[in-house]
Amino acid sequence: MHAAVKQEPPRWASFVGAYNAYMTQNLLGGSRRFKIAWAINCHKALTPAVVVLLMLGYQNFSVAAWVYLALHGTYCLCWLLKHVAFRDPRWEMRVTIGGAAFTFVLLATYWVAPFLLISNVLNRPGDVAPSWLLALCIGLLVLGATVMMTSDCQKRFTLRYRAGLITEGMFKRIRHPNYLGEMMVYASLALLVRHWIPWAVLAYWWTCVFLVNMLLIEASLSRYPEWAEYRRRTSMLIPWVV
């Protein structure tokens, strides 16, 4: 087997990745006393309360609002359960208070979707989401959360006992099933809102965070000799689309 030649990520991805790292880890400088997991988990724990407060504040108890609360709230509870059951080492990193605050504020952009859905800012009084859309959003989120949690679990325990590439199970056909699952989760919530603004928020996350992270991960994994063959027969996100 030929020795692997480590690939470099695109220059733009390296630049954005360095910016993201500074903003979430070193912003404002100072000591690193905060785990980045604390900012993430705080956002997850507050999300159901934020949605409930929006429902109470705008007196919106529509079916769509309740479905949104059930979907986003339950997903956040699943995330916290995952953190308790098998912590992701990445989120155990210590960061500055500025980095933790920036991470929380960035995650808070996900609250744009429930605000638009529940408030009257879109001027859609009496508008009722079609039943087929509710069913689609529920199914998409359940499937996405399952893919994300299953792949995260497989990755966590495989790497705990064996270093190297993971090329089976959830990673057999796609190289980043955990990102695919999370994209499906938030796509379902954006679909429920039926407005372009949540998709603009997701466009930032999927391009400047998710895609950048995937490209940096792939550049790191290219050091393994079997990477070239694995990459040839898999796709980044969509199964069987190489």
C-alpha atoms as a PDB file:
ATOM      1  CA  MET A   1       0.000   0.000   0.000  1.00  0.00           C
ATOM      2  CA  HIS A   2       1.373   3.394  -1.004  1.00  0.00           C
ATOM      3  CA  ALA A   3       2.012   5.992   1.648  1.00  0.00           C
ATOM      4  CA  ALA A   4      -0.740   8.577   1.896  1.00  0.00           C
ATOM      5  CA  VAL A   5      -0.105  12.135   0.800  1.00  0.00           C
ATOM      6  CA  LYS A   6      -1.921  14.477   3.152  1.00  0.00           C
ATOM      7  CA  GLN A   7      -4.163  16.896   1.303  1.00  0.00           C
ATOM      8  CA  GLU A   8      -4.612  20.534   2.171  1.00  0.00           C
ATOM      9  CA  PRO A   9      -8.109  22.000   2.537  1.00  0.00           C
ATOM     10  CA  PRO A  10      -9.176  24.825   0.208  1.00  0.00           C
ATOM     11  CA  ARG A  11      -7.615  28.108   1.245  1.00  0.00           C
ATOM     12  CA  TRP A  12     -10.985  29.725   1.827  1.00  0.00           C
ATOM     13  CA  ALA A  13     -11.992  26.888   4.163  1.00  0.00           C
ATOM     14  CA  SER A  14      -8.768  27.250   6.121  1.00  0.00           C
ATOM     15  CA  PHE A  15      -9.367  30.999   6.461  1.00  0.00           C
ATOM     16  CA  VAL A  16     -12.983  30.624   7.598  1.00  0.00           C
ATOM     17  CA  GLY A  17     -12.011  27.753   9.890  1.00  0.00           C
ATOM     18  CA  ALA A  18      -9.346  29.904  11.543  1.00  0.00           C
ATOM     19  CA  TYR A  19     -11.865  32.727  11.974  1.00  0.00           C
ATOM     20  CA  ASN A  20     -14.420  30.343  13.501  1.00  0.00           C
ATOM     21  CA  ALA A  21     -11.798  28.923  15.855  1.00  0.00           C
ATOM     22  CA  TYR A  22     -10.764  32.375  17.065  1.00  0.00           C
ATOM     23  CA  MET A  23     -14.324  33.595  17.584  1.00  0.00           C
ATOM     24  CA  THR A  24     -15.489  30.488  19.452  1.00  0.00           C
ATOM     25  CA  GLN A  25     -12.301  29.731  21.390  1.00  0.00           C
ATOM     26  CA  ASN A  26     -10.188  32.849  21.927  1.00  0.00           C
ATOM     27  CA  LEU A  27     -12.447  35.884  21.507  1.00  0.00           C
ATOM     28  CA  LEU A  28     -11.394  38.756  23.819  1.00  0.00           C
ATOM     29  CA  GLY A  29      -8.520  36.676  25.174  1.00  0.00           C
ATOM     30  CA  GLY A  30      -8.036  35.800  28.816  1.00  0.00           C
ATOM     31  CA  SER A  31      -8.096  32.502  30.619  1.00  0.00           C
ATOM     32  CA  ARG A  32      -9.953  29.508  29.257  1.00  0.00           C
ATOM     33  CA  ARG A  33     -12.296  28.645  32.090  1.00  0.00           C
ATOM     34  CA  PHE A  34     -15.395  27.704  30.151  1.00  0.00           C
ATOM     35  CA  LYS A  35     -16.132  24.509  28.269  1.00  0.00           C
ATOM     36  CA  ILE A  36     -17.681  25.125  24.893  1.00  0.00           C
ATOM     37  CA  ALA A  37     -20.193  22.407  25.826  1.00  0.00           C
ATOM     38  CA  TRP A  38     -21.601  24.721  28.489  1.00  0.00           C
ATOM     39  CA  ALA A  39     -22.599  27.306  25.877  1.00  0.00           C
ATOM     40  CA  ILE A  40     -24.062  24.653  23.570  1.00  0.00           C
ATOM     41  CA  ASN A  41     -25.982  22.852  26.306  1.00  0.00           C
ATOM     42  CA  CYS A  42     -27.262  26.124  27.746  1.00  0.00           C
ATOM     43  CA  HIS A  43     -28.752  26.958  24.362  1.00  0.00           C
ATOM     44  CA  LYS A  44     -30.304  23.502  24.062  1.00  0.00           C
ATOM     45  CA  ALA A  45     -31.771  23.644  27.573  1.00  0.00           C
ATOM     46  CA  LEU A  46     -33.252  27.117  27.030  1.00  0.00           C
ATOM     47  CA  THR A  47     -34.800  26.413  23.623  1.00  0.00           C
ATOM     48  CA  PRO A  48     -38.041  24.751  24.876  1.00  0.00           C
ATOM     49  CA  ALA A  49     -38.518  27.612  27.354  1.00  0.00           C
ATOM     50  CA  VAL A  50     -37.937  30.210  24.629  1.00  0.00           C
ATOM     51  CA  VAL A  51     -40.575  28.604  22.403  1.00  0.00           C
ATOM     52  CA  VAL A  52     -43.071  28.399  25.269  1.00  0.00           C
ATOM     53  CA  LEU A  53     -42.470  32.060  26.151  1.00  0.00           C
ATOM     54  CA  LEU A  54     -43.039  33.027  22.523  1.00  0.00           C
ATOM     55  CA  MET A  55     -46.314  31.086  22.505  1.00  0.00           C
ATOM     56  CA  LEU A  56     -47.450  32.776  25.716  1.00  0.00           C
ATOM     57  CA  GLY A  57     -46.259  36.222  24.682  1.00  0.00           C
ATOM     58  CA  TYR A  58     -47.993  36.142  21.303  1.00  0.00           C
ATOM     59  CA  GLN A  59     -50.903  33.979  22.463  1.00  0.00           C
ATOM     60  CA  ASN A  60     -50.262  31.615  19.616  1.00  0.00           C
ATOM     61  CA  PHE A  61     -51.293  28.069  20.464  1.00  0.00           C
ATOM     62  CA  SER A  62     -51.786  26.867  16.913  1.00  0.00           C
ATOM     63  CA  VAL A  63     -51.075  23.318  15.822  1.00  0.00           C
ATOM     64  CA  ALA A  64     -47.933  24.495  14.017  1.00  0.00           C
ATOM     65  CA  ALA A  65     -46.645  26.190  17.187  1.00  0.00           C
ATOM     66  CA  TRP A  66     -47.228  23.087  19.291  1.00  0.00           C
ATOM     67  CA  VAL A  67     -45.608  20.880  16.656  1.00  0.00           C
ATOM     68  CA  TYR A  68     -42.607  23.199  16.537  1.00  0.00           C
ATOM     69  CA  LEU A  69     -42.285  23.056  20.326  1.00  0.00           C
ATOM     70  CA  ALA A  70     -42.465  19.265  20.263  1.00  0.00           C
ATOM     71  CA  LEU A  71     -39.916  18.924  17.461  1.00  0.00           C
ATOM     72  CA  HIS A  72     -37.285  21.476  18.458  1.00  0.00           C
ATOM     73  CA  GLY A  73     -37.779  20.908  22.177  1.00  0.00           C
ATOM     74  CA  THR A  74     -37.485  17.149  21.916  1.00  0.00           C
ATOM     75  CA  TYR A  75     -34.432  17.395  19.675  1.00  0.00           C
ATOM     76  CA  CYS A  76     -32.724  19.601  22.248  1.00  0.00           C
ATOM     77  CA  LEU A  77     -33.543  17.108  24.989  1.00  0.00           C
ATOM     78  CA  CYS A  78     -32.095  14.336  22.812  1.00  0.00           C
ATOM     79  CA  TRP A  79     -28.913  16.389  22.409  1.00  0.00           C
ATOM     80  CA  LEU A  80     -28.604  16.792  26.180  1.00  0.00           C
ATOM     81  CA  LEU A  81     -29.222  13.071  26.640  1.00  0.00           C
ATOM     82  CA  LYS A  82     -26.472  12.353  24.107  1.00  0.00           C
ATOM     83  CA  HIS A  83     -24.122  14.615  26.039  1.00  0.00           C
ATOM     84  CA  VAL A  84     -24.795  12.680  29.234  1.00  0.00           C
ATOM     85  CA  ALA A  85     -24.496   9.257  27.580  1.00  0.00           C
ATOM     86  CA  PHE A  86     -21.434   9.810  25.370  1.00  0.00           C
ATOM     87  CA  ARG A  87     -19.788  13.211  25.373  1.00  0.00           C
ATOM     88  CA  ASP A  88     -18.161  14.525  22.250  1.00  0.00           C
ATOM     89  CA  PRO A  89     -14.521  15.350  23.138  1.00  0.00           C
ATOM     90  CA  ARG A  90     -14.662  18.410  20.863  1.00  0.00           C
ATOM     91  CA  TRP A  91     -17.150  20.097  23.160  1.00  0.00           C
ATOM     92  CA  GLU A  92     -14.982  19.510  26.225  1.00  0.00           C
ATOM     93  CA  MET A  93     -12.533  22.107  24.957  1.00  0.00           C
ATOM     94  CA  ARG A  94     -11.889  25.044  27.277  1.00  0.00           C
ATOM     95  CA  VAL A  95     -12.542  28.475  25.744  1.00  0.00           C
ATOM     96  CA  THR A  96     -12.511  32.109  26.825  1.00  0.00           C
ATOM     97  CA  ILE A  97     -15.632  33.803  28.142  1.00  0.00           C
ATOM     98  CA  GLY A  98     -15.798  35.739  24.875  1.00  0.00           C
ATOM     99  CA  GLY A  99     -15.653  32.517  22.890  1.00  0.00           C
ATOM    100  CA  ALA A 100     -18.403  30.924  24.984  1.00  0.00           C
ATOM    101  CA  ALA A 101     -20.593  34.030  24.636  1.00  0.00           C
ATOM    102  CA  PHE A 102     -20.070  34.166  20.863  1.00  0.00           C
ATOM    103  CA  THR A 103     -20.946  30.476  20.552  1.00  0.00           C
ATOM    104  CA  PHE A 104     -24.194  30.992  22.472  1.00  0.00           C
ATOM    105  CA  VAL A 105     -25.171  34.060  20.421  1.00  0.00           C
ATOM    106  CA  LEU A 106     -24.408  32.228  17.183  1.00  0.00           C
ATOM    107  CA  LEU A 107     -26.550  29.282  18.264  1.00  0.00           C
ATOM    108  CA  ALA A 108     -29.318  31.711  19.212  1.00  0.00           C
ATOM    109  CA  THR A 109     -29.781  32.442  15.498  1.00  0.00           C
ATOM    110  CA  TYR A 110     -31.686  29.142  15.436  1.00  0.00           C
ATOM    111  CA  TRP A 111     -34.377  30.945  17.475  1.00  0.00           C
ATOM    112  CA  VAL A 112     -35.220  33.079  14.457  1.00  0.00           C
ATOM    113  CA  ALA A 113     -37.369  30.233  13.124  1.00  0.00           C
ATOM    114  CA  PRO A 114     -39.733  29.911  16.131  1.00  0.00           C
ATOM    115  CA  PHE A 115     -39.967  33.705  16.421  1.00  0.00           C
ATOM    116  CA  LEU A 116     -41.128  34.010  12.816  1.00  0.00           C
ATOM    117  CA  LEU A 117     -43.536  31.092  13.168  1.00  0.00           C
ATOM    118  CA  ILE A 118     -45.139  32.132  16.448  1.00  0.00           C
ATOM    119  CA  SER A 119     -45.097  35.940  16.307  1.00  0.00           C
ATOM    120  CA  ASN A 120     -47.291  37.997  13.991  1.00  0.00           C
ATOM    121  CA  VAL A 121     -44.305  39.537  12.192  1.00  0.00           C
ATOM    122  CA  LEU A 122     -45.118  37.645   8.990  1.00  0.00           C
ATOM    123  CA  ASN A 123     -48.688  38.971   9.060  1.00  0.00           C
ATOM    124  CA  ARG A 124     -50.324  35.605   8.496  1.00  0.00           C
ATOM    125  CA  PRO A 125     -53.326  35.670  10.891  1.00  0.00           C
ATOM    126  CA  GLY A 126     -55.359  32.502  10.826  1.00  0.00           C
ATOM    127  CA  ASP A 127     -52.920  30.806   8.472  1.00  0.00           C
ATOM    128  CA  VAL A 128     -52.890  27.056   8.987  1.00  0.00           C
ATOM    129  CA  ALA A 129     -49.991  24.831   8.021  1.00  0.00           C
ATOM    130  CA  PRO A 130     -51.179  21.959   5.779  1.00  0.00           C
ATOM    131  CA  SER A 131     -51.302  18.535   7.382  1.00  0.00           C
ATOM    132  CA  TRP A 132     -48.952  17.021   4.822  1.00  0.00           C
ATOM    133  CA  LEU A 133     -46.297  19.609   5.730  1.00  0.00           C
ATOM    134  CA  LEU A 134     -46.621  18.853   9.431  1.00  0.00           C
ATOM    135  CA  ALA A 135     -46.210  15.157   8.691  1.00  0.00           C
ATOM    136  CA  LEU A 136     -43.194  15.816   6.456  1.00  0.00           C
ATOM    137  CA  CYS A 137     -41.487  17.953   9.111  1.00  0.00           C
ATOM    138  CA  ILE A 138     -42.082  15.388  11.842  1.00  0.00           C
ATOM    139  CA  GLY A 139     -40.769  12.520   9.731  1.00  0.00           C
ATOM    140  CA  LEU A 140     -37.733  14.482   8.539  1.00  0.00           C
ATOM    141  CA  LEU A 141     -36.720  15.550  12.041  1.00  0.00           C
ATOM    142  CA  VAL A 142     -37.131  12.065  13.515  1.00  0.00           C
ATOM    143  CA  LEU A 143     -35.040  10.551  10.726  1.00  0.00           C
ATOM    144  CA  GLY A 144     -32.417  13.290  10.961  1.00  0.00           C
ATOM    145  CA  ALA A 145     -32.078  13.004  14.735  1.00  0.00           C
ATOM    146  CA  THR A 146     -31.728   9.235  14.420  1.00  0.00           C
ATOM    147  CA  VAL A 147     -28.993   9.537  11.790  1.00  0.00           C
ATOM    148  CA  MET A 148     -27.130  12.163  13.823  1.00  0.00           C
ATOM    149  CA  MET A 149     -27.259  10.355  17.154  1.00  0.00           C
ATOM    150  CA  THR A 150     -26.493   6.930  15.682  1.00  0.00           C
ATOM    151  CA  SER A 151     -23.473   8.166  13.743  1.00  0.00           C
ATOM    152  CA  ASP A 152     -22.184  10.205  16.697  1.00  0.00           C
ATOM    153  CA  CYS A 153     -22.501   7.142  18.913  1.00  0.00           C
ATOM    154  CA  GLN A 154     -20.713   4.920  16.402  1.00  0.00           C
ATOM    155  CA  LYS A 155     -17.917   7.461  15.969  1.00  0.00           C
ATOM    156  CA  ARG A 156     -17.492   8.009  19.711  1.00  0.00           C
ATOM    157  CA  PHE A 157     -17.134   4.353  20.665  1.00  0.00           C
ATOM    158  CA  THR A 158     -15.241   3.209  17.576  1.00  0.00           C
ATOM    159  CA  LEU A 159     -12.526   5.828  18.091  1.00  0.00           C
ATOM    160  CA  ARG A 160     -12.451   5.021  21.782  1.00  0.00           C
ATOM    161  CA  TYR A 161     -11.113   1.556  21.029  1.00  0.00           C
ATOM    162  CA  ARG A 162      -9.600   1.911  17.551  1.00  0.00           C
ATOM    163  CA  ALA A 163      -8.026   4.924  15.901  1.00  0.00           C
ATOM    164  CA  GLY A 164      -8.272   5.470  12.161  1.00  0.00           C
ATOM    165  CA  LEU A 165     -10.920   5.765   9.492  1.00  0.00           C
ATOM    166  CA  ILE A 166     -14.479   4.607  10.144  1.00  0.00           C
ATOM    167  CA  THR A 167     -15.696   3.027   6.922  1.00  0.00           C
ATOM    168  CA  GLU A 168     -18.644   0.880   7.975  1.00  0.00           C
ATOM    169  CA  GLY A 169     -22.063   1.296   9.540  1.00  0.00           C
ATOM    170  CA  MET A 170     -23.380   4.841   9.185  1.00  0.00           C
ATOM    171  CA  PHE A 171     -20.141   5.818   7.444  1.00  0.00           C
ATOM    172  CA  LYS A 172     -20.234   3.136   4.766  1.00  0.00           C
ATOM    173  CA  ARG A 173     -21.810   5.286   2.045  1.00  0.00           C
ATOM    174  CA  ILE A 174     -21.393   8.854   3.321  1.00  0.00           C
ATOM    175  CA  ARG A 175     -18.450  10.460   5.042  1.00  0.00           C
ATOM    176  CA  HIS A 176     -20.353  12.863   7.332  1.00  0.00           C
ATOM    177  CA  PRO A 177     -23.646  11.281   8.435  1.00  0.00           C
ATOM    178  CA  ASN A 178     -23.674  13.285  11.675  1.00  0.00           C
ATOM    179  CA  TYR A 179     -23.728  16.568   9.747  1.00  0.00           C
ATOM    180  CA  LEU A 180     -26.353  15.186   7.358  1.00  0.00           C
ATOM    181  CA  GLY A 181     -28.584  14.278  10.304  1.00  0.00           C
ATOM    182  CA  GLU A 182     -28.315  17.723  11.870  1.00  0.00           C
ATOM    183  CA  MET A 183     -29.028  19.380   8.529  1.00  0.00           C
ATOM    184  CA  MET A 184     -32.190  17.290   8.206  1.00  0.00           C
ATOM    185  CA  VAL A 185     -33.276  18.330  11.707  1.00  0.00           C
ATOM    186  CA  TYR A 186     -33.004  22.055  11.073  1.00  0.00           C
ATOM    187  CA  ALA A 187     -34.348  21.767   7.530  1.00  0.00           C
ATOM    188  CA  SER A 188     -37.532  20.286   9.001  1.00  0.00           C
ATOM    189  CA  LEU A 189     -37.887  23.292  11.330  1.00  0.00           C
ATOM    190  CA  ALA A 190     -37.293  25.760   8.493  1.00  0.00           C
ATOM    191  CA  LEU A 191     -39.896  23.982   6.377  1.00  0.00           C
ATOM    192  CA  LEU A 192     -42.428  24.400   9.149  1.00  0.00           C
ATOM    193  CA  VAL A 193     -41.952  28.187   9.179  1.00  0.00           C
ATOM    194  CA  ARG A 194     -42.523  28.498   5.424  1.00  0.00           C
ATOM    195  CA  HIS A 195     -40.350  31.573   4.963  1.00  0.00           C
ATOM    196  CA  TRP A 196     -36.984  32.275   3.378  1.00  0.00           C
ATOM    197  CA  ILE A 197     -35.328  33.839   6.448  1.00  0.00           C
ATOM    198  CA  PRO A 198     -34.743  30.540   8.346  1.00  0.00           C
ATOM    199  CA  TRP A 199     -33.179  29.162   5.172  1.00  0.00           C
ATOM    200  CA  ALA A 200     -30.822  32.154   5.054  1.00  0.00           C
ATOM    201  CA  VAL A 201     -29.747  31.341   8.615  1.00  0.00           C
ATOM    202  CA  LEU A 202     -29.206  27.716   7.628  1.00  0.00           C
ATOM    203  CA  ALA A 203     -27.262  28.778   4.527  1.00  0.00           C
ATOM    204  CA  TYR A 204     -24.740  30.479   6.811  1.00  0.00           C
ATOM    205  CA  TRP A 205     -24.503  27.478   9.133  1.00  0.00           C
ATOM    206  CA  TRP A 206     -24.274  24.901   6.354  1.00  0.00           C
ATOM    207  CA  THR A 207     -21.669  26.858   4.363  1.00  0.00           C
ATOM    208  CA  CYS A 208     -19.520  28.706   6.897  1.00  0.00           C
ATOM    209  CA  VAL A 209     -19.644  26.103   9.672  1.00  0.00           C
ATOM    210  CA  PHE A 210     -20.701  22.659   8.474  1.00  0.00           C
ATOM    211  CA  LEU A 211     -19.011  22.649   5.049  1.00  0.00           C
ATOM    212  CA  VAL A 212     -15.854  24.243   6.443  1.00  0.00           C
ATOM    213  CA  ASN A 213     -15.662  21.657   9.221  1.00  0.00           C
ATOM    214  CA  MET A 214     -16.206  18.802   6.773  1.00  0.00           C
ATOM    215  CA  LEU A 215     -13.451  20.048   4.468  1.00  0.00           C
ATOM    216  CA  LEU A 216     -11.024  20.455   7.371  1.00  0.00           C
ATOM    217  CA  ILE A 217     -11.896  16.988   8.669  1.00  0.00           C
ATOM    218  CA  GLU A 218     -11.357  15.437   5.248  1.00  0.00           C
ATOM    219  CA  ALA A 219      -7.985  17.158   4.889  1.00  0.00           C
ATOM    220  CA  SER A 220      -6.966  15.683   8.240  1.00  0.00           C
ATOM    221  CA  LEU A 221      -8.253  12.192   7.361  1.00  0.00           C
ATOM    222  CA  SER A 222      -6.350  12.212   4.066  1.00  0.00           C
ATOM    223  CA  ARG A 223      -3.237  11.190   6.023  1.00  0.00           C
ATOM    224  CA  TYR A 224      -4.555   7.622   6.177  1.00  0.00           C
ATOM    225  CA  PRO A 225      -3.457   5.325   3.303  1.00  0.00           C
ATOM    226  CA  GLU A 226      -6.997   4.009   2.751  1.00  0.00           C
ATOM    227  CA  TRP A 227      -8.501   7.495   2.477  1.00  0.00           C
ATOM    228  CA  ALA A 228      -8.288   7.795  -1.325  1.00  0.00           C
ATOM    229  CA  GLU A 229     -10.238   4.576  -1.916  1.00  0.00           C
ATOM    230  CA  TYR A 230     -12.774   5.413   0.778  1.00  0.00           C
ATOM    231  CA  ARG A 231     -13.340   8.861  -0.685  1.00  0.00           C
ATOM    232  CA  ARG A 232     -13.702   7.420  -4.191  1.00  0.00           C
ATOM    233  CA  ARG A 233     -16.580   5.118  -3.251  1.00  0.00           C
ATOM    234  CA  THR A 234     -18.460   7.435  -0.872  1.00  0.00           C
ATOM    235  CA  SER A 235     -20.137  10.806  -0.993  1.00  0.00           C
ATOM    236  CA  MET A 236     -19.824  13.703   1.398  1.00  0.00           C
ATOM    237  CA  LEU A 237     -23.511  13.800   2.396  1.00  0.00           C
ATOM    238  CA  ILE A 238     -25.941  12.153  -0.048  1.00  0.00           C
ATOM    239  CA  PRO A 239     -25.730   8.328  -0.277  1.00  0.00           C
ATOM    240  CA  TRP A 240     -24.792   6.914  -3.670  1.00  0.00           C
ATOM    241  CA  VAL A 241     -24.145  10.387  -5.096  1.00  0.00           C
ATOM    242  CA  VAL A 242     -20.357  10.473  -5.453  1.00  0.00           C
END
